[in-house]
Amino acid sequence: MNDLCFILIYDKKNNLYTANVLVAAIESRLYHIRTYLVEISDGQIDNELLYKLNNVCKKVVVGITFMTTQIDNILRLVPKVKKALPKALLIAGGPHATGDPYGTLTKLGFDLVIYGEGEETVIELLTTIGNSDYYKICGTAFLEGDRIVIKKRDPINLDLYPPFPYWRNRFNPIEIMRGCSSACYFCQVNYLFGSPRYRSIDTIVNYSKMKLERGLKDLRFISPNAFGYGSPDGIKPVGDKLLELLQKLRRTADIYSGKIFFGTFPSEVRPDAIEEDLAKEVRKLVDNKRIIIGAQSGSSIVLKKINRKHSVEDILIATEILLRNRFEVDIDFILGFSFENDEDIRETVKLIEKLTQLGARIHLHTFIPLPGTPLFSSGFKPLKDDIKKHLARLIGQGKAYGYWLDQERLAYRVMELKNKGIIYDFYEYNKYLKIVKC
């Protein structure tokens, strides 16, 4: 029997990248620990596999990474895991666990939360498992009487960890930037990862080459603001740094007939990071014709209330710059903030109309309140029927797209779970918190 096994349970559709990153970190450092990846679908799991693993491992640590929108699946999944692996240590990670460690520990049935980024924390946990205070390591959240203790870990150096477990022949877009200084009040990124950090250019190029050598022709990258790569604040571009990265990627990709997709899925670009000269040079170096802009609202008042730190005019200028430089443009908008009034909605719809007339395409979203963010308890406000019909017409005309109606249903469900006491507002239980800086 193996002394210790780590079983990572994940949803391939929603958590594949996170699973790859964690497995890459563990297996690149801890050669003696057997790591198993177990995929779930809609909360369903292969129980026979779990029973088998329970018989081949003396000690078992089970990690489950998930988002708030997956809570219903987690509520179904955790009892099954506990039944199949009764002696396992059950740890939670990902955006929801960090956003609501209290609810994760008291209502979802987990023993421990990996708080924030998980690479170093999971490695230390698996190294010290069996010691009396193993669960009190840095980067965790746990219950201590009626309080929750959070031990915050310093941010990691991305270059120290592979972006994917290439030895398993598992690949994903390369994370080139982690964290964000914008701190938008609806988004978990800053509250999960803090200020921006970057994977170095040479490291990015080396892992890109590795993918190309294995026949993967498309190079994609993960970044909250792709044009902010290498800048002090992650917003205002440092053109020389960004172009150095793209030029080296271009030379590497051309050797293998590869393609570079930058500033498009699964990343986007802030409107206040788009400059004419930079856009012109980027267009020469990338293969994607489409850039995604994160606009979020056409109301100046709403932009201020969600802490976006850019203007409506910035959105228009950025769109015009990209179109002039032969990019097609998709623009993200979020509707349904609780404080949006009719005038705010009209301003957003007016801007959407103007942008579609320019030739942009609109990516529609409904605001989903996420725990750990300042806007979680504000809830959301469903759109009026006339606005929904107008947006539906834009979709029918091919001018807009998105899963905004599905997101509306998820927003209702998240607030229902909050009202039932399954999900908690991080800011409401501050008096029960003990935060320790490691």
Protein backbone atom coordinates (compact mmCIF):
# COMPACT_ATOMS: atom_id res chain seq x y z
CA MET A 1 0.00 0.00 0.00
CA ASN A 2 1.12 3.57 -0.65
CA ASP A 3 1.87 5.54 2.51
CA LEU A 4 0.12 8.69 1.27
CA CYS A 5 -2.09 9.41 -1.72
CA PHE A 6 -3.39 12.75 -2.89
CA ILE A 7 -6.66 12.58 -4.79
CA LEU A 8 -7.63 15.72 -6.66
CA ILE A 9 -11.27 15.88 -7.70
CA TYR A 10 -12.18 18.39 -10.38
CA ASP A 11 -14.72 19.26 -13.03
CA LYS A 12 -13.04 19.10 -16.43
CA LYS A 13 -15.29 21.77 -17.91
CA ASN A 14 -14.72 24.37 -15.19
CA ASN A 15 -11.60 23.46 -13.21
CA LEU A 16 -9.22 21.76 -15.62
CA TYR A 17 -6.60 24.52 -15.61
CA THR A 18 -6.51 24.67 -11.80
CA ALA A 19 -6.22 20.90 -11.56
CA ASN A 20 -3.31 20.88 -14.00
CA VAL A 21 -1.48 23.64 -12.12
CA LEU A 22 -1.81 21.87 -8.75
CA VAL A 23 -0.75 18.49 -10.08
CA ALA A 24 2.21 20.12 -11.83
CA ALA A 25 3.32 21.75 -8.57
CA ILE A 26 2.98 18.58 -6.50
CA GLU A 27 4.57 16.13 -8.92
CA SER A 28 7.47 18.45 -9.75
CA ARG A 29 8.43 18.55 -6.04
CA LEU A 30 7.06 15.49 -4.23
CA TYR A 31 8.13 12.40 -6.16
CA HIS A 32 7.18 9.98 -3.38
CA ILE A 33 3.48 10.89 -3.23
CA ARG A 34 1.01 9.20 -5.54
CA THR A 35 -1.32 11.74 -7.12
CA TYR A 36 -4.62 10.74 -8.67
CA LEU A 37 -6.84 12.94 -10.80
CA VAL A 38 -10.54 12.13 -10.54
CA GLU A 39 -12.92 13.84 -12.93
CA ILE A 40 -16.53 14.58 -12.05
CA SER A 41 -19.45 15.59 -14.24
CA ASP A 42 -22.48 17.41 -12.79
CA GLY A 43 -21.54 16.24 -9.31
CA GLN A 44 -21.35 12.57 -10.36
CA ILE A 45 -18.30 10.55 -9.44
CA ASP A 46 -16.97 7.04 -9.98
CA ASN A 47 -17.61 5.61 -6.50
CA GLU A 48 -15.91 2.32 -7.35
CA LEU A 49 -12.69 4.18 -8.12
CA LEU A 50 -12.80 5.93 -4.74
CA TYR A 51 -13.40 2.64 -2.89
CA LYS A 52 -10.44 1.14 -4.75
CA LEU A 53 -8.18 4.05 -3.82
CA ASN A 54 -9.24 3.72 -0.20
CA ASN A 55 -7.81 0.19 -0.25
CA VAL A 56 -4.48 1.04 -1.89
CA CYS A 57 -3.56 4.07 0.26
CA LYS A 58 -2.71 4.07 3.97
CA LYS A 59 -3.41 7.80 4.24
CA VAL A 60 -5.55 9.82 1.88
CA VAL A 61 -5.81 13.55 1.29
CA VAL A 62 -8.65 14.60 -1.00
CA GLY A 63 -8.62 18.02 -2.63
CA ILE A 64 -11.66 19.48 -4.38
CA THR A 65 -11.34 22.75 -6.30
CA PHE A 66 -14.52 24.61 -7.21
CA MET A 67 -16.26 27.89 -7.92
CA THR A 68 -19.36 29.37 -6.29
CA THR A 69 -21.49 28.45 -9.30
CA GLN A 70 -20.69 24.77 -8.64
CA ILE A 71 -22.03 24.68 -5.07
CA ASP A 72 -24.99 22.42 -5.82
CA ASN A 73 -22.62 19.83 -7.28
CA ILE A 74 -20.39 20.10 -4.21
CA LEU A 75 -23.36 19.58 -1.87
CA ARG A 76 -24.09 16.30 -3.68
CA LEU A 77 -20.45 15.27 -4.03
CA VAL A 78 -18.99 15.68 -0.54
CA PRO A 79 -21.21 13.05 1.21
CA LYS A 80 -20.28 10.52 -1.50
CA VAL A 81 -16.58 11.19 -1.03
CA LYS A 82 -16.84 10.86 2.75
CA LYS A 83 -18.67 7.56 2.41
CA ALA A 84 -16.13 6.12 -0.01
CA LEU A 85 -13.06 7.55 1.80
CA PRO A 86 -14.10 7.76 5.47
CA LYS A 87 -10.58 8.38 6.83
CA ALA A 88 -9.53 10.96 4.26
CA LEU A 89 -8.62 14.54 5.05
CA LEU A 90 -10.96 16.61 2.89
CA ILE A 91 -9.59 19.96 1.74
CA ALA A 92 -11.26 22.64 -0.38
CA GLY A 93 -9.57 25.05 -2.72
CA GLY A 94 -10.43 27.47 -5.48
CA PRO A 95 -12.32 30.77 -5.62
CA HIS A 96 -15.30 29.76 -3.49
CA ALA A 97 -13.31 28.27 -0.62
CA THR A 98 -11.17 31.40 -0.35
CA GLY A 99 -14.17 33.69 -0.76
CA ASP A 100 -16.17 31.89 1.94
CA PRO A 101 -13.92 29.74 4.14
CA TYR A 102 -16.44 29.80 7.00
CA GLY A 103 -19.32 28.35 4.97
CA THR A 104 -16.97 25.89 3.28
CA LEU A 105 -15.87 24.49 6.64
CA THR A 106 -19.17 24.61 8.54
CA LYS A 107 -21.76 23.88 5.83
CA LEU A 108 -20.06 22.08 2.98
CA GLY A 109 -18.29 19.50 5.12
CA PHE A 110 -14.59 20.19 4.49
CA ASP A 111 -11.86 19.74 7.09
CA LEU A 112 -9.52 22.42 5.80
CA VAL A 113 -9.44 25.27 3.28
CA ILE A 114 -6.50 26.13 1.06
CA TYR A 115 -6.69 29.90 1.24
CA GLY A 116 -5.60 31.76 -1.91
CA GLU A 117 -3.16 30.22 -4.36
CA GLY A 118 -2.47 26.61 -3.60
CA GLU A 119 0.88 25.45 -5.00
CA GLU A 120 3.16 25.97 -1.99
CA THR A 121 0.42 25.32 0.54
CA VAL A 122 -0.54 21.90 -0.84
CA ILE A 123 3.11 20.89 -1.10
CA GLU A 124 3.77 21.85 2.53
CA LEU A 125 0.57 20.16 3.67
CA LEU A 126 1.46 16.88 1.99
CA THR A 127 5.00 17.11 3.34
CA THR A 128 3.92 17.63 6.95
CA ILE A 129 0.82 15.42 7.01
CA GLY A 130 0.78 13.38 10.18
CA ASN A 131 2.29 16.09 12.38
CA SER A 132 -0.06 17.37 15.06
CA ASP A 133 -0.31 20.89 13.61
CA TYR A 134 -0.14 20.04 9.91
CA TYR A 135 -3.44 21.79 9.28
CA LYS A 136 -2.14 25.08 10.67
CA ILE A 137 0.40 25.69 7.94
CA CYS A 138 0.54 28.95 6.03
CA GLY A 139 -2.05 29.37 3.31
CA THR A 140 -4.87 27.59 5.15
CA ALA A 141 -8.12 28.46 6.90
CA PHE A 142 -9.49 26.31 9.71
CA LEU A 143 -11.88 26.42 12.64
CA GLU A 144 -10.61 27.15 16.13
CA GLY A 145 -13.52 27.08 18.55
CA ASP A 146 -16.11 29.55 17.28
CA ARG A 147 -13.56 31.46 15.22
CA ILE A 148 -12.07 30.91 11.83
CA VAL A 149 -8.31 31.31 11.57
CA ILE A 150 -6.77 32.35 8.26
CA LYS A 151 -3.02 32.03 7.86
CA LYS A 152 -2.08 34.14 4.84
CA ARG A 153 0.86 33.05 2.74
CA ASP A 154 3.05 35.39 0.71
CA PRO A 155 2.47 35.31 -3.08
CA ILE A 156 4.47 32.73 -4.99
CA ASN A 157 7.02 33.19 -7.75
CA LEU A 158 5.30 31.78 -10.84
CA ASP A 159 8.61 30.78 -12.42
CA LEU A 160 9.15 28.21 -9.69
CA TYR A 161 6.21 26.08 -10.82
CA PRO A 162 5.29 24.55 -14.19
CA PRO A 163 2.05 25.89 -15.74
CA PHE A 164 0.95 22.34 -16.55
CA PRO A 165 2.09 18.72 -15.92
CA TYR A 166 3.69 18.15 -19.31
CA TRP A 167 5.04 14.74 -18.19
CA ARG A 168 1.39 13.59 -18.11
CA ASN A 169 0.87 15.08 -21.57
CA ARG A 170 -1.66 17.48 -20.06
CA PHE A 171 -1.59 21.07 -21.31
CA ASN A 172 -3.54 24.29 -20.95
CA PRO A 173 -3.05 27.99 -21.75
CA ILE A 174 0.02 29.40 -20.00
CA GLU A 175 -0.67 31.70 -17.06
CA ILE A 176 1.59 34.69 -17.69
CA MET A 177 0.12 36.99 -15.05
CA ARG A 178 -1.50 36.31 -11.68
CA GLY A 179 -3.23 38.91 -9.55
CA CYS A 180 -4.66 42.31 -10.37
CA SER A 181 -4.34 45.79 -8.91
CA SER A 182 -7.73 46.97 -10.18
CA ALA A 183 -9.68 45.38 -7.31
CA CYS A 184 -13.04 45.61 -9.08
CA TYR A 185 -15.70 45.10 -6.44
CA PHE A 186 -17.45 42.26 -8.32
CA CYS A 187 -14.33 40.19 -9.12
CA GLN A 188 -12.49 37.66 -6.95
CA VAL A 189 -9.08 37.90 -8.67
CA ASN A 190 -7.53 40.64 -6.54
CA TYR A 191 -9.01 39.21 -3.35
CA LEU A 192 -7.64 35.76 -4.22
CA PHE A 193 -4.20 36.65 -5.54
CA GLY A 194 -3.37 40.25 -4.63
CA SER A 195 -1.26 42.50 -6.83
CA PRO A 196 -0.02 41.35 -10.25
CA ARG A 197 3.00 39.11 -10.75
CA TYR A 198 4.40 37.74 -13.97
CA ARG A 199 5.95 34.60 -15.33
CA SER A 200 9.24 35.64 -16.93
CA ILE A 201 9.55 35.94 -20.70
CA ASP A 202 12.12 33.16 -21.05
CA THR A 203 9.99 30.80 -18.96
CA ILE A 204 6.88 31.56 -21.02
CA VAL A 205 8.79 30.99 -24.25
CA ASN A 206 10.29 27.71 -22.99
CA TYR A 207 6.89 26.27 -22.05
CA SER A 208 5.43 27.52 -25.33
CA LYS A 209 8.19 25.72 -27.19
CA MET A 210 7.41 22.58 -25.23
CA LYS A 211 3.79 22.69 -26.42
CA LEU A 212 4.78 23.35 -30.01
CA GLU A 213 7.26 20.46 -29.99
CA ARG A 214 4.43 18.16 -28.98
CA GLY A 215 2.34 19.22 -31.95
CA LEU A 216 0.09 21.74 -30.19
CA LYS A 217 -0.01 24.60 -32.68
CA ASP A 218 -2.12 27.21 -30.84
CA LEU A 219 -0.49 29.22 -28.06
CA ARG A 220 -2.94 30.81 -25.64
CA PHE A 221 -2.32 32.67 -22.41
CA ILE A 222 -4.08 33.47 -19.14
CA SER A 223 -3.98 37.05 -17.90
CA PRO A 224 -6.53 39.43 -16.31
CA ASN A 225 -5.22 42.17 -18.62
CA ALA A 226 -3.03 40.86 -21.44
CA PHE A 227 -1.69 44.27 -22.53
CA GLY A 228 -0.59 44.95 -18.94
CA TYR A 229 2.02 42.16 -18.99
CA GLY A 230 5.17 43.21 -17.14
CA SER A 231 3.88 46.57 -15.93
CA PRO A 232 4.11 47.72 -12.30
CA ASP A 233 0.35 47.95 -11.86
CA GLY A 234 -0.80 45.44 -14.46
CA ILE A 235 -2.86 48.16 -16.17
CA LYS A 236 -0.73 50.79 -17.87
CA PRO A 237 1.24 49.00 -20.59
CA VAL A 238 5.01 48.82 -20.69
CA GLY A 239 5.31 48.49 -24.44
CA ASP A 240 8.91 47.33 -24.58
CA LYS A 241 8.22 44.46 -22.18
CA LEU A 242 5.05 43.33 -23.91
CA LEU A 243 6.58 43.50 -27.37
CA GLU A 244 9.70 41.63 -26.23
CA LEU A 245 7.46 38.79 -25.06
CA LEU A 246 5.46 38.70 -28.30
CA GLN A 247 8.54 39.00 -30.53
CA LYS A 248 10.21 36.03 -28.83
CA LEU A 249 7.00 34.04 -28.99
CA ARG A 250 6.63 34.90 -32.67
CA ARG A 251 10.12 33.67 -33.52
CA THR A 252 9.50 30.44 -31.61
CA ALA A 253 6.04 29.85 -33.06
CA ASP A 254 7.23 30.39 -36.62
CA ILE A 255 9.76 27.57 -36.31
CA TYR A 256 6.91 25.13 -35.66
CA SER A 257 4.21 26.82 -37.81
CA GLY A 258 2.44 27.72 -34.58
CA LYS A 259 -0.11 30.45 -33.92
CA ILE A 260 -0.20 33.07 -31.15
CA PHE A 261 -3.53 34.07 -29.60
CA PHE A 262 -3.11 37.04 -27.28
CA GLY A 263 -5.69 39.33 -25.67
CA THR A 264 -8.44 36.91 -26.58
CA PHE A 265 -9.95 33.85 -24.86
CA PRO A 266 -9.12 32.92 -22.12
CA SER A 267 -7.85 36.46 -21.44
CA GLU A 268 -9.06 39.98 -22.11
CA VAL A 269 -7.72 43.53 -22.21
CA ARG A 270 -8.72 46.55 -20.16
CA PRO A 271 -9.81 49.51 -22.30
CA ASP A 272 -7.37 51.86 -20.54
CA ALA A 273 -4.49 49.54 -21.51
CA ILE A 274 -5.02 49.93 -25.27
CA GLU A 275 -2.78 52.44 -27.05
CA GLU A 276 -2.54 53.17 -30.77
CA ASP A 277 1.15 52.46 -31.34
CA LEU A 278 1.09 49.34 -29.19
CA ALA A 279 -2.01 47.94 -30.92
CA LYS A 280 -0.33 48.47 -34.29
CA GLU A 281 2.75 46.49 -33.24
CA VAL A 282 0.76 43.74 -31.52
CA ARG A 283 -1.28 43.20 -34.68
CA LYS A 284 1.91 42.32 -36.57
CA LEU A 285 2.91 39.69 -34.01
CA VAL A 286 -0.27 37.77 -33.19
CA ASP A 287 -2.54 35.48 -35.20
CA ASN A 288 -5.87 36.23 -33.54
CA LYS A 289 -8.06 38.69 -35.36
CA ARG A 290 -10.26 39.23 -32.32
CA ILE A 291 -9.50 41.09 -29.07
CA ILE A 292 -11.77 40.98 -26.00
CA ILE A 293 -12.25 44.26 -24.08
CA GLY A 294 -13.56 44.26 -20.51
CA ALA A 295 -15.92 47.24 -20.43
CA GLN A 296 -18.55 46.03 -17.91
CA SER A 297 -20.86 49.07 -18.01
CA GLY A 298 -21.82 52.06 -20.11
CA SER A 299 -22.77 54.10 -17.05
CA SER A 300 -20.10 56.33 -15.53
CA ILE A 301 -21.85 56.04 -12.18
CA VAL A 302 -21.85 52.24 -12.26
CA LEU A 303 -18.19 52.12 -13.37
CA LYS A 304 -17.31 54.18 -10.31
CA LYS A 305 -19.43 52.05 -7.97
CA ILE A 306 -17.77 48.82 -9.15
CA ASN A 307 -14.30 50.42 -8.94
CA ARG A 308 -13.40 49.91 -12.59
CA LYS A 309 -11.05 52.93 -12.72
CA HIS A 310 -11.66 53.65 -16.40
CA SER A 311 -14.22 55.80 -18.20
CA VAL A 312 -16.93 55.22 -20.78
CA GLU A 313 -14.81 57.28 -23.18
CA ASP A 314 -11.91 54.84 -22.66
CA ILE A 315 -14.14 52.04 -23.95
CA LEU A 316 -15.01 53.91 -27.13
CA ILE A 317 -11.42 55.01 -27.78
CA ALA A 318 -10.06 51.48 -27.23
CA THR A 319 -12.62 50.00 -29.61
CA GLU A 320 -11.81 52.53 -32.32
CA ILE A 321 -8.06 51.95 -31.94
CA LEU A 322 -8.41 48.18 -32.30
CA LEU A 323 -10.75 48.42 -35.26
CA ARG A 324 -8.38 50.85 -36.99
CA ASN A 325 -5.61 48.31 -36.54
CA ARG A 326 -7.58 45.50 -38.21
CA PHE A 327 -8.74 43.72 -35.06
CA GLU A 328 -12.27 42.50 -34.58
CA VAL A 329 -13.59 43.46 -31.15
CA ASP A 330 -15.70 41.66 -28.54
CA ILE A 331 -16.74 43.72 -25.52
CA ASP A 332 -17.80 42.33 -22.15
CA PHE A 333 -20.72 43.97 -20.34
CA ILE A 334 -22.20 42.98 -16.97
CA LEU A 335 -25.83 43.84 -16.23
CA GLY A 336 -27.87 43.29 -13.09
CA PHE A 337 -26.00 45.15 -10.36
CA SER A 338 -28.43 45.85 -7.53
CA PHE A 339 -27.74 49.60 -7.64
CA GLU A 340 -28.30 49.98 -11.39
CA ASN A 341 -31.28 52.21 -12.05
CA ASP A 342 -33.19 52.74 -15.28
CA GLU A 343 -30.90 55.57 -16.35
CA ASP A 344 -27.80 53.41 -15.81
CA ILE A 345 -29.32 50.67 -17.97
CA ARG A 346 -30.24 53.18 -20.67
CA GLU A 347 -26.66 54.51 -20.70
CA THR A 348 -25.29 50.98 -21.08
CA VAL A 349 -27.73 50.09 -23.85
CA LYS A 350 -26.90 53.37 -25.62
CA LEU A 351 -23.18 52.55 -25.50
CA ILE A 352 -23.85 49.00 -26.71
CA GLU A 353 -25.75 50.39 -29.69
CA LYS A 354 -22.92 52.78 -30.52
CA LEU A 355 -20.31 50.02 -30.28
CA THR A 356 -22.26 47.62 -32.48
CA GLN A 357 -22.62 50.38 -35.08
CA LEU A 358 -18.83 50.66 -35.08
CA GLY A 359 -18.64 46.93 -35.77
CA ALA A 360 -17.98 45.50 -32.31
CA ARG A 361 -19.73 42.42 -30.93
CA ILE A 362 -21.13 42.42 -27.38
CA HIS A 363 -20.55 39.63 -24.84
CA LEU A 364 -23.40 39.84 -22.33
CA HIS A 365 -23.15 38.77 -18.69
CA THR A 366 -25.46 38.86 -15.69
CA PHE A 367 -23.86 39.87 -12.41
CA ILE A 368 -23.38 36.86 -10.12
CA PRO A 369 -22.64 37.86 -6.51
CA LEU A 370 -19.42 36.10 -5.46
CA PRO A 371 -18.38 35.61 -1.81
CA GLY A 372 -15.24 37.39 -0.73
CA THR A 373 -16.01 40.42 -2.90
CA PRO A 374 -17.41 43.73 -1.63
CA LEU A 375 -20.56 43.40 -3.76
CA PHE A 376 -21.54 39.90 -2.63
CA SER A 377 -24.27 40.90 -0.19
CA SER A 378 -25.64 43.59 -2.48
CA GLY A 379 -27.37 40.87 -4.48
CA PHE A 380 -28.42 41.40 -8.08
CA LYS A 381 -31.35 42.96 -9.89
CA PRO A 382 -32.96 41.08 -12.79
CA LEU A 383 -33.42 43.05 -16.00
CA LYS A 384 -36.83 44.29 -17.04
CA ASP A 385 -38.57 42.43 -19.85
CA ASP A 386 -38.21 45.23 -22.38
CA ILE A 387 -34.43 45.31 -21.89
CA LYS A 388 -34.23 41.52 -22.19
CA LYS A 389 -36.18 41.65 -25.45
CA HIS A 390 -33.87 44.35 -26.79
CA LEU A 391 -30.78 42.31 -25.93
CA ALA A 392 -32.36 39.19 -27.43
CA ARG A 393 -32.85 41.11 -30.69
CA LEU A 394 -29.15 42.01 -30.72
CA ILE A 395 -28.31 38.33 -30.29
CA GLY A 396 -30.66 37.42 -33.12
CA GLN A 397 -28.87 39.95 -35.32
CA GLY A 398 -25.48 38.43 -34.48
CA LYS A 399 -24.39 41.59 -32.65
CA ALA A 400 -24.30 40.03 -29.17
CA TYR A 401 -23.91 36.66 -27.49
CA GLY A 402 -23.46 35.17 -24.04
CA TYR A 403 -24.90 32.94 -21.32
CA TRP A 404 -26.49 35.85 -19.48
CA LEU A 405 -29.84 34.11 -18.91
CA ASP A 406 -28.11 31.04 -17.43
CA GLN A 407 -26.08 33.40 -15.27
CA GLU A 408 -29.29 35.05 -14.06
CA ARG A 409 -30.51 31.66 -12.81
CA LEU A 410 -27.17 31.08 -11.09
CA ALA A 411 -27.36 34.52 -9.45
CA TYR A 412 -30.80 33.65 -8.02
CA ARG A 413 -29.42 30.37 -6.70
CA VAL A 414 -26.36 31.95 -5.06
CA MET A 415 -28.52 34.45 -3.19
CA GLU A 416 -30.93 31.66 -2.19
CA LEU A 417 -28.02 29.70 -0.69
CA LYS A 418 -26.86 32.84 1.13
CA ASN A 419 -30.34 33.31 2.61
CA LYS A 420 -30.35 29.65 3.68
CA GLY A 421 -27.02 30.07 5.48
CA ILE A 422 -25.02 27.84 3.13
CA ILE A 423 -22.89 30.66 1.74
CA TYR A 424 -21.63 33.45 4.00
CA ASP A 425 -20.45 36.98 3.39
CA PHE A 426 -16.77 37.21 4.33
CA TYR A 427 -17.24 40.82 5.44
CA GLU A 428 -20.14 39.99 7.76
CA TYR A 429 -18.26 37.54 9.97
CA ASN A 430 -15.16 39.69 10.43
CA LYS A 431 -15.62 39.63 14.20
CA TYR A 432 -15.16 35.84 14.15
CA LEU A 433 -11.98 36.07 12.11
CA LYS A 434 -8.40 35.73 13.22
CA ILE A 435 -6.04 36.55 10.37
CA VAL A 436 -2.40 35.61 10.81
CA LYS A 437 0.30 36.86 8.42
CA CYS A 438 2.91 34.13 7.98
